[in-house]
N, C-alpha and C. Protein backbone atom coordinates (compact mmCIF):
# COMPACT_ATOMS: atom_id res chain seq x y z
N MET A 1 -33.44 -14.32 38.62
CA MET A 1 -32.51 -13.18 38.53
C MET A 1 -31.37 -13.22 39.70
N LYS A 2 -30.22 -13.28 39.57
CA LYS A 2 -29.27 -13.35 40.43
C LYS A 2 -28.65 -11.96 40.74
N SER A 3 -28.69 -11.47 42.08
CA SER A 3 -28.26 -10.20 42.51
C SER A 3 -27.19 -10.34 43.51
N ASN A 4 -26.23 -9.35 43.61
CA ASN A 4 -25.26 -9.60 44.74
C ASN A 4 -24.69 -8.25 44.98
N GLN A 5 -24.33 -8.04 46.39
CA GLN A 5 -23.72 -6.77 46.72
C GLN A 5 -22.62 -7.16 47.75
N ILE A 6 -21.50 -6.38 47.47
CA ILE A 6 -20.35 -6.48 48.14
C ILE A 6 -19.92 -5.05 48.45
N ASN A 7 -19.55 -4.80 49.84
CA ASN A 7 -19.04 -3.67 50.33
C ASN A 7 -17.72 -3.93 51.06
N LEU A 8 -16.65 -3.13 50.59
CA LEU A 8 -15.40 -3.49 51.24
C LEU A 8 -14.74 -2.22 51.45
N THR A 9 -14.15 -2.16 52.69
CA THR A 9 -13.54 -0.92 53.25
C THR A 9 -12.09 -1.40 53.46
N PHE A 10 -11.28 -0.49 52.90
CA PHE A 10 -9.75 -0.95 53.09
C PHE A 10 -8.93 0.24 53.30
N SER A 11 -7.72 -0.11 53.93
CA SER A 11 -6.70 1.28 54.07
C SER A 11 -6.20 1.79 52.80
N SER A 12 -5.89 3.11 52.70
CA SER A 12 -5.48 3.72 51.52
C SER A 12 -3.95 3.44 51.31
N ILE A 13 -3.80 2.14 50.96
CA ILE A 13 -2.30 1.84 50.73
C ILE A 13 -2.47 1.09 49.36
N ALA A 14 -1.31 1.23 48.66
CA ALA A 14 -1.10 0.85 47.24
C ALA A 14 -1.54 -0.80 47.17
N GLU A 15 -0.96 -1.50 48.16
CA GLU A 15 -1.20 -2.80 48.06
C GLU A 15 -2.56 -3.38 47.96
N ASN A 16 -3.58 -2.50 48.49
CA ASN A 16 -5.00 -2.81 48.36
C ASN A 16 -5.53 -2.55 47.04
N VAL A 17 -4.73 -1.94 46.02
CA VAL A 17 -5.25 -1.94 44.64
C VAL A 17 -5.35 -3.19 44.00
N GLY A 18 -4.32 -4.05 44.29
CA GLY A 18 -4.24 -5.52 43.86
C GLY A 18 -5.63 -6.31 44.37
N ILE A 19 -6.03 -6.08 45.54
CA ILE A 19 -7.02 -6.85 46.14
C ILE A 19 -8.37 -6.30 45.42
N ALA A 20 -8.51 -5.02 45.26
CA ALA A 20 -9.66 -4.40 44.38
C ALA A 20 -9.78 -5.15 43.07
N ARG A 21 -8.58 -5.25 42.46
CA ARG A 21 -8.57 -5.90 41.17
C ARG A 21 -8.99 -7.44 41.11
N LEU A 22 -8.47 -7.97 42.12
CA LEU A 22 -8.64 -9.55 42.37
C LEU A 22 -10.28 -9.66 42.54
N LEU A 23 -10.78 -8.89 43.40
CA LEU A 23 -12.13 -8.86 43.59
C LEU A 23 -13.04 -8.77 42.40
N ILE A 24 -12.74 -7.62 41.50
CA ILE A 24 -13.56 -7.39 40.34
C ILE A 24 -13.40 -8.51 39.33
N ALA A 25 -12.17 -9.08 39.32
CA ALA A 25 -11.99 -10.09 38.32
C ALA A 25 -12.63 -11.43 38.76
N SER A 26 -12.82 -11.55 40.04
CA SER A 26 -13.77 -12.73 40.56
C SER A 26 -15.14 -12.52 40.09
N VAL A 27 -15.71 -11.29 40.22
CA VAL A 27 -16.97 -11.05 40.04
C VAL A 27 -17.24 -11.15 38.70
N GLY A 28 -16.26 -10.69 37.83
CA GLY A 28 -16.52 -10.81 36.25
C GLY A 28 -16.45 -12.09 35.90
N ALA A 29 -15.66 -13.06 36.51
CA ALA A 29 -15.60 -14.30 36.15
C ALA A 29 -16.97 -15.21 36.57
N GLN A 30 -17.61 -14.79 37.70
CA GLN A 30 -18.88 -15.34 38.19
C GLN A 30 -19.88 -15.08 37.05
N LEU A 31 -19.68 -13.82 36.31
CA LEU A 31 -20.73 -13.41 35.72
C LEU A 31 -20.64 -13.84 34.30
N ASP A 32 -19.53 -14.63 33.97
CA ASP A 32 -19.22 -15.29 32.67
C ASP A 32 -18.88 -14.10 31.72
N LEU A 33 -18.32 -13.02 32.14
CA LEU A 33 -17.92 -11.84 31.14
C LEU A 33 -16.69 -12.38 30.45
N PRO A 34 -16.50 -11.86 29.15
CA PRO A 34 -15.34 -12.31 28.34
C PRO A 34 -14.14 -11.84 29.08
N LEU A 35 -13.07 -12.63 28.90
CA LEU A 35 -11.74 -12.07 29.39
C LEU A 35 -11.29 -10.75 29.29
N ASN A 36 -11.67 -10.11 27.96
CA ASN A 36 -11.36 -8.94 27.65
C ASN A 36 -11.94 -7.78 28.55
N ASP A 37 -13.31 -8.08 28.80
CA ASP A 37 -14.08 -7.24 29.67
C ASP A 37 -13.65 -7.26 31.17
N ILE A 38 -13.06 -8.53 31.60
CA ILE A 38 -12.62 -8.65 32.92
C ILE A 38 -11.33 -7.72 33.00
N GLU A 39 -10.48 -7.82 32.02
CA GLU A 39 -9.25 -7.12 31.92
C GLU A 39 -9.54 -5.56 32.24
N GLU A 40 -10.61 -5.14 31.20
CA GLU A 40 -11.03 -3.71 31.47
C GLU A 40 -11.56 -3.26 32.67
N LEU A 41 -12.26 -4.24 33.24
CA LEU A 41 -12.85 -3.89 34.66
C LEU A 41 -11.53 -3.63 35.66
N LYS A 42 -10.61 -4.68 35.44
CA LYS A 42 -9.57 -4.58 36.36
C LYS A 42 -8.72 -3.18 36.28
N VAL A 43 -8.64 -2.72 34.98
CA VAL A 43 -7.91 -1.44 34.73
C VAL A 43 -8.64 -0.28 35.44
N ALA A 44 -10.11 -0.39 35.11
CA ALA A 44 -10.87 0.72 35.57
C ALA A 44 -10.91 0.76 37.12
N VAL A 45 -11.11 -0.29 37.71
CA VAL A 45 -11.13 -0.42 39.12
C VAL A 45 -9.67 0.18 39.74
N SER A 46 -8.61 -0.42 39.06
CA SER A 46 -7.25 0.09 39.63
C SER A 46 -7.07 1.44 39.50
N GLU A 47 -7.60 2.23 38.36
CA GLU A 47 -7.54 3.58 38.27
C GLU A 47 -8.33 4.30 39.24
N ALA A 48 -9.53 3.98 39.46
CA ALA A 48 -10.47 4.57 40.48
C ALA A 48 -9.80 4.40 41.95
N VAL A 49 -9.34 3.26 42.24
CA VAL A 49 -8.73 2.99 43.70
C VAL A 49 -7.42 3.76 43.81
N SER A 50 -6.64 3.68 42.76
CA SER A 50 -5.43 4.58 42.85
C SER A 50 -5.58 5.99 42.94
N ASN A 51 -6.49 6.46 42.20
CA ASN A 51 -6.96 7.90 42.31
C ASN A 51 -7.14 8.30 43.83
N ALA A 52 -8.05 7.45 44.50
CA ALA A 52 -8.49 7.84 45.81
C ALA A 52 -7.24 7.89 46.68
N ILE A 53 -6.30 6.79 46.49
CA ILE A 53 -5.02 6.74 47.42
C ILE A 53 -4.13 7.92 47.07
N ILE A 54 -3.91 7.97 45.81
CA ILE A 54 -2.85 9.12 45.32
C ILE A 54 -3.23 10.42 45.50
N HIS A 55 -4.50 10.61 44.77
CA HIS A 55 -4.88 12.12 44.72
C HIS A 55 -5.86 12.44 45.87
N GLY A 56 -6.81 11.54 46.18
CA GLY A 56 -7.74 11.98 47.26
C GLY A 56 -7.05 12.07 48.70
N TYR A 57 -6.29 11.04 48.92
CA TYR A 57 -5.51 11.00 50.25
C TYR A 57 -4.09 11.54 50.09
N ARG A 58 -3.54 11.80 49.04
CA ARG A 58 -2.27 12.15 48.89
C ARG A 58 -1.25 11.13 49.33
N ASN A 59 -1.64 9.90 49.14
CA ASN A 59 -0.63 8.92 49.59
C ASN A 59 -0.53 8.77 51.10
N ILE A 60 -1.45 9.36 52.00
CA ILE A 60 -1.35 9.38 53.31
C ILE A 60 -2.15 8.01 53.72
N PRO A 61 -1.37 6.98 54.26
CA PRO A 61 -1.84 5.64 54.34
C PRO A 61 -3.05 5.29 55.44
N ASN A 62 -3.22 6.13 56.49
CA ASN A 62 -3.99 5.84 57.59
C ASN A 62 -5.50 6.38 57.24
N ASN A 63 -5.95 6.29 55.96
CA ASN A 63 -7.34 6.59 55.73
C ASN A 63 -7.95 5.43 54.98
N LEU A 64 -9.42 5.63 54.74
CA LEU A 64 -10.15 4.50 54.24
C LEU A 64 -10.59 4.77 52.87
N VAL A 65 -10.56 3.71 51.99
CA VAL A 65 -11.27 3.68 50.54
C VAL A 65 -12.45 2.71 50.75
N TYR A 66 -13.45 3.06 50.25
CA TYR A 66 -14.79 2.34 50.27
C TYR A 66 -15.12 1.87 48.81
N PHE A 67 -15.37 0.61 48.84
CA PHE A 67 -15.36 -0.04 47.49
C PHE A 67 -16.61 -0.78 47.39
N ASP A 68 -17.61 -0.37 46.64
CA ASP A 68 -18.99 -1.18 46.72
C ASP A 68 -19.30 -1.60 45.43
N LEU A 69 -19.58 -2.86 45.25
CA LEU A 69 -20.27 -3.49 44.08
C LEU A 69 -21.61 -3.93 44.24
N GLU A 70 -22.27 -3.73 43.15
CA GLU A 70 -23.72 -4.35 43.13
C GLU A 70 -23.95 -4.84 41.75
N VAL A 71 -24.33 -6.05 41.73
CA VAL A 71 -24.74 -6.88 40.53
C VAL A 71 -26.12 -6.91 40.53
N THR A 72 -26.90 -6.55 39.54
CA THR A 72 -28.32 -6.78 39.19
C THR A 72 -28.29 -7.74 37.99
N ARG A 73 -29.53 -7.88 37.47
CA ARG A 73 -29.83 -8.89 36.37
C ARG A 73 -28.81 -8.57 35.33
N ASP A 74 -28.59 -7.07 34.81
CA ASP A 74 -27.91 -6.97 33.60
C ASP A 74 -26.86 -5.89 33.77
N THR A 75 -26.65 -5.45 35.11
CA THR A 75 -25.67 -4.32 35.44
C THR A 75 -24.89 -4.61 36.49
N LEU A 76 -23.53 -4.17 36.34
CA LEU A 76 -22.57 -4.20 37.44
C LEU A 76 -22.14 -2.79 37.57
N LYS A 77 -22.43 -2.43 39.04
CA LYS A 77 -22.26 -0.97 39.46
C LYS A 77 -21.09 -1.05 40.44
N ILE A 78 -20.07 -0.22 40.09
CA ILE A 78 -18.95 -0.16 41.06
C ILE A 78 -18.77 1.26 41.50
N ALA A 79 -18.67 1.43 42.95
CA ALA A 79 -18.41 2.85 43.49
C ALA A 79 -17.24 2.70 44.29
N VAL A 80 -16.36 3.74 44.00
CA VAL A 80 -15.17 3.99 44.74
C VAL A 80 -15.15 5.28 45.44
N ARG A 81 -15.12 5.34 46.64
CA ARG A 81 -15.42 6.56 47.42
C ARG A 81 -14.15 6.78 48.43
N ASP A 82 -13.82 7.93 48.54
CA ASP A 82 -12.70 8.37 49.60
C ASP A 82 -13.25 9.60 50.27
N ARG A 83 -12.81 9.88 51.42
CA ARG A 83 -13.12 11.07 52.21
C ARG A 83 -11.89 12.05 52.38
N GLY A 84 -11.36 12.38 51.08
CA GLY A 84 -9.94 12.91 51.06
C GLY A 84 -10.39 14.37 50.51
N CYS A 85 -9.30 14.94 49.86
CA CYS A 85 -9.31 16.40 49.55
C CYS A 85 -10.21 16.77 48.65
N GLY A 86 -10.77 15.96 47.80
CA GLY A 86 -11.78 16.24 46.73
C GLY A 86 -11.10 16.76 45.49
N ILE A 87 -11.93 17.08 44.40
CA ILE A 87 -11.45 17.54 43.28
C ILE A 87 -11.97 18.90 42.84
N SER A 88 -11.11 19.85 42.69
CA SER A 88 -11.59 21.21 42.64
C SER A 88 -12.36 21.57 41.25
N ASN A 89 -12.05 20.88 40.18
CA ASN A 89 -12.84 20.87 39.00
C ASN A 89 -12.74 19.51 38.26
N VAL A 90 -13.78 18.79 38.55
CA VAL A 90 -13.97 17.48 38.06
C VAL A 90 -13.84 17.34 36.43
N GLU A 91 -14.51 18.40 35.83
CA GLU A 91 -14.39 18.52 34.37
C GLU A 91 -13.15 18.47 33.72
N GLN A 92 -12.17 19.38 34.41
CA GLN A 92 -10.89 19.43 34.23
C GLN A 92 -9.98 18.15 34.45
N ALA A 93 -10.35 17.66 35.74
CA ALA A 93 -9.72 16.39 35.89
C ALA A 93 -10.03 15.20 35.04
N MET A 94 -11.07 15.31 34.32
CA MET A 94 -11.41 14.18 33.43
C MET A 94 -10.90 14.42 32.10
N GLN A 95 -10.15 15.44 31.79
CA GLN A 95 -9.47 15.63 30.50
C GLN A 95 -8.24 14.73 30.45
N PRO A 96 -8.07 14.21 29.13
CA PRO A 96 -7.03 13.30 28.83
C PRO A 96 -5.66 14.11 29.30
N ALA A 97 -4.87 13.41 30.00
CA ALA A 97 -3.36 13.95 30.20
C ALA A 97 -3.38 14.80 31.45
N PHE A 98 -4.48 15.30 31.81
CA PHE A 98 -4.50 16.06 33.09
C PHE A 98 -4.22 15.29 34.36
N SER A 99 -3.23 15.94 35.23
CA SER A 99 -2.95 15.35 36.36
C SER A 99 -2.47 16.46 37.40
N THR A 100 -2.71 16.30 38.68
CA THR A 100 -2.17 17.15 39.65
C THR A 100 -0.78 16.55 40.02
N ASP A 101 -0.48 15.42 39.58
CA ASP A 101 0.93 14.94 39.92
C ASP A 101 1.75 14.91 38.52
N PRO A 102 2.80 15.46 38.56
CA PRO A 102 3.67 15.49 37.23
C PRO A 102 4.14 14.11 37.04
N GLU A 103 4.17 13.25 37.88
CA GLU A 103 4.65 11.92 37.68
C GLU A 103 3.71 10.83 37.15
N ARG A 104 2.38 11.59 36.90
CA ARG A 104 1.32 10.59 36.44
C ARG A 104 1.05 10.95 35.03
N MET A 105 0.44 9.97 34.30
CA MET A 105 -0.08 10.22 32.88
C MET A 105 -1.43 10.91 32.80
N GLY A 106 -2.05 10.89 33.81
CA GLY A 106 -3.37 11.60 33.69
C GLY A 106 -4.40 10.91 32.83
N LEU A 107 -4.19 9.60 32.65
CA LEU A 107 -5.23 8.84 31.93
C LEU A 107 -6.20 8.10 32.70
N GLY A 108 -6.22 8.02 33.88
CA GLY A 108 -7.10 7.38 34.76
C GLY A 108 -8.67 7.34 34.40
N PHE A 109 -9.17 8.58 34.34
CA PHE A 109 -10.54 8.85 33.95
C PHE A 109 -10.78 8.50 32.57
N VAL A 110 -9.76 8.71 31.57
CA VAL A 110 -9.97 8.16 30.17
C VAL A 110 -10.16 6.80 30.16
N PHE A 111 -9.32 5.96 30.78
CA PHE A 111 -9.63 4.46 31.01
C PHE A 111 -10.76 4.09 31.45
N MET A 112 -11.16 4.73 32.59
CA MET A 112 -12.62 4.40 33.11
C MET A 112 -13.79 4.66 32.11
N GLN A 113 -13.61 5.82 31.44
CA GLN A 113 -14.70 6.03 30.54
C GLN A 113 -14.77 5.23 29.34
N SER A 114 -13.60 4.97 28.90
CA SER A 114 -13.69 4.00 27.72
C SER A 114 -13.83 2.49 28.00
N PHE A 115 -13.57 2.00 29.28
CA PHE A 115 -13.79 0.70 29.46
C PHE A 115 -15.35 0.43 30.15
N MET A 116 -15.73 1.55 30.65
CA MET A 116 -17.13 1.34 31.26
C MET A 116 -18.16 1.87 30.40
N ASP A 117 -19.42 1.49 30.71
CA ASP A 117 -20.57 1.96 30.02
C ASP A 117 -21.12 3.27 30.39
N ASP A 118 -20.88 3.61 31.80
CA ASP A 118 -21.24 4.87 32.37
C ASP A 118 -20.36 5.25 33.32
N LEU A 119 -19.98 6.50 33.65
CA LEU A 119 -18.94 6.87 34.56
C LEU A 119 -19.51 8.20 35.20
N GLN A 120 -19.61 8.38 36.47
CA GLN A 120 -20.10 9.49 37.07
C GLN A 120 -19.14 9.84 38.28
N VAL A 121 -18.60 11.12 38.33
CA VAL A 121 -17.61 11.52 39.21
C VAL A 121 -18.36 12.64 40.18
N GLU A 122 -18.55 12.42 41.37
CA GLU A 122 -19.15 13.46 42.35
C GLU A 122 -17.88 13.73 43.26
N SER A 123 -17.79 15.25 43.50
CA SER A 123 -16.55 15.53 44.40
C SER A 123 -16.98 16.79 45.17
N VAL A 124 -16.61 16.78 46.54
CA VAL A 124 -16.74 18.03 47.33
C VAL A 124 -15.34 18.25 47.95
N LEU A 125 -15.03 19.48 47.92
CA LEU A 125 -13.67 19.82 48.44
C LEU A 125 -13.57 19.56 49.81
N GLU A 126 -12.58 18.98 50.22
CA GLU A 126 -12.35 18.67 51.64
C GLU A 126 -13.31 17.67 52.27
N GLU A 127 -14.18 17.00 51.33
CA GLU A 127 -15.12 15.97 51.89
C GLU A 127 -14.87 14.61 51.24
N GLY A 128 -14.34 14.78 50.15
CA GLY A 128 -14.18 13.43 49.21
C GLY A 128 -14.77 13.35 47.84
N THR A 129 -14.55 12.25 47.17
CA THR A 129 -14.90 12.01 45.69
C THR A 129 -15.52 10.53 45.79
N THR A 130 -16.72 10.41 45.01
CA THR A 130 -17.28 9.23 44.63
C THR A 130 -17.32 8.93 43.20
N VAL A 131 -16.39 7.84 42.84
CA VAL A 131 -16.55 7.58 41.26
C VAL A 131 -17.35 6.24 41.12
N THR A 132 -18.55 6.43 40.45
CA THR A 132 -19.42 5.53 40.08
C THR A 132 -19.19 4.79 38.80
N MET A 133 -19.06 3.75 38.60
CA MET A 133 -18.89 3.15 37.08
C MET A 133 -19.88 2.02 36.89
N MET A 134 -20.50 2.02 35.71
CA MET A 134 -21.57 0.88 35.39
C MET A 134 -20.98 0.15 34.11
N LYS A 135 -21.34 -1.13 34.25
CA LYS A 135 -21.04 -2.06 33.08
C LYS A 135 -22.34 -2.70 32.82
N TYR A 136 -22.78 -2.83 31.59
CA TYR A 136 -24.10 -3.60 31.27
C TYR A 136 -23.72 -4.81 30.50
N PHE A 137 -24.40 -5.86 30.83
CA PHE A 137 -24.13 -7.11 30.30
C PHE A 137 -25.39 -7.90 30.17
N LYS A 138 -25.33 -8.96 29.52
CA LYS A 138 -26.55 -9.99 29.37
C LYS A 138 -26.09 -11.28 30.18
N GLN A 139 -26.92 -11.26 31.43
CA GLN A 139 -26.62 -12.40 32.43
C GLN A 139 -27.31 -13.76 31.71
N THR A 140 -26.36 -14.64 31.55
CA THR A 140 -26.84 -16.04 30.95
C THR A 140 -27.74 -16.67 32.02
N PRO A 141 -28.80 -17.22 31.58
CA PRO A 141 -29.70 -17.97 32.61
C PRO A 141 -29.09 -19.21 33.22
N SER A 142 -29.25 -19.35 34.49
CA SER A 142 -28.59 -20.47 35.22
C SER A 142 -29.48 -21.83 34.93
N PRO A 143 -28.87 -23.03 34.65
CA PRO A 143 -29.80 -24.13 34.68
C PRO A 143 -30.58 -24.39 35.73
N THR A 144 -31.74 -24.82 35.53
CA THR A 144 -32.75 -24.96 36.67
C THR A 144 -32.96 -26.40 37.27
N HIS A 145 -31.90 -26.88 37.22
CA HIS A 145 -31.78 -28.45 37.91
C HIS A 145 -31.02 -28.66 39.07
């Protein structure tokens, strides 16, 4: 059984969304996930990290986003956490087309839900938000020579 854990902390700036995407693409490739699954992981991670930066921290760059990956035998767990303003109504925030920013489409959580096997959002006002996403897969056994 191959397991792996990666914890990354980065500044709340848009450029770091690309780094999170690269990291999840690399992990997906190591797991031999199909290209389509990797693309979906990249979108889900982009949305979660963008939400932390844009909504959690209101685009204020001197904050930190916490990005945690955990790979077990058949599960990829991704947690994106901020210590920002929090979400006053998580259920409402997860509705399609809902956004606190009129410039945004409000589809981030919709993409996360449709591309991942499980999505949990925990938020406390003025303390922050944690988005936990799970992807289940069958890990191919490694050759034993």
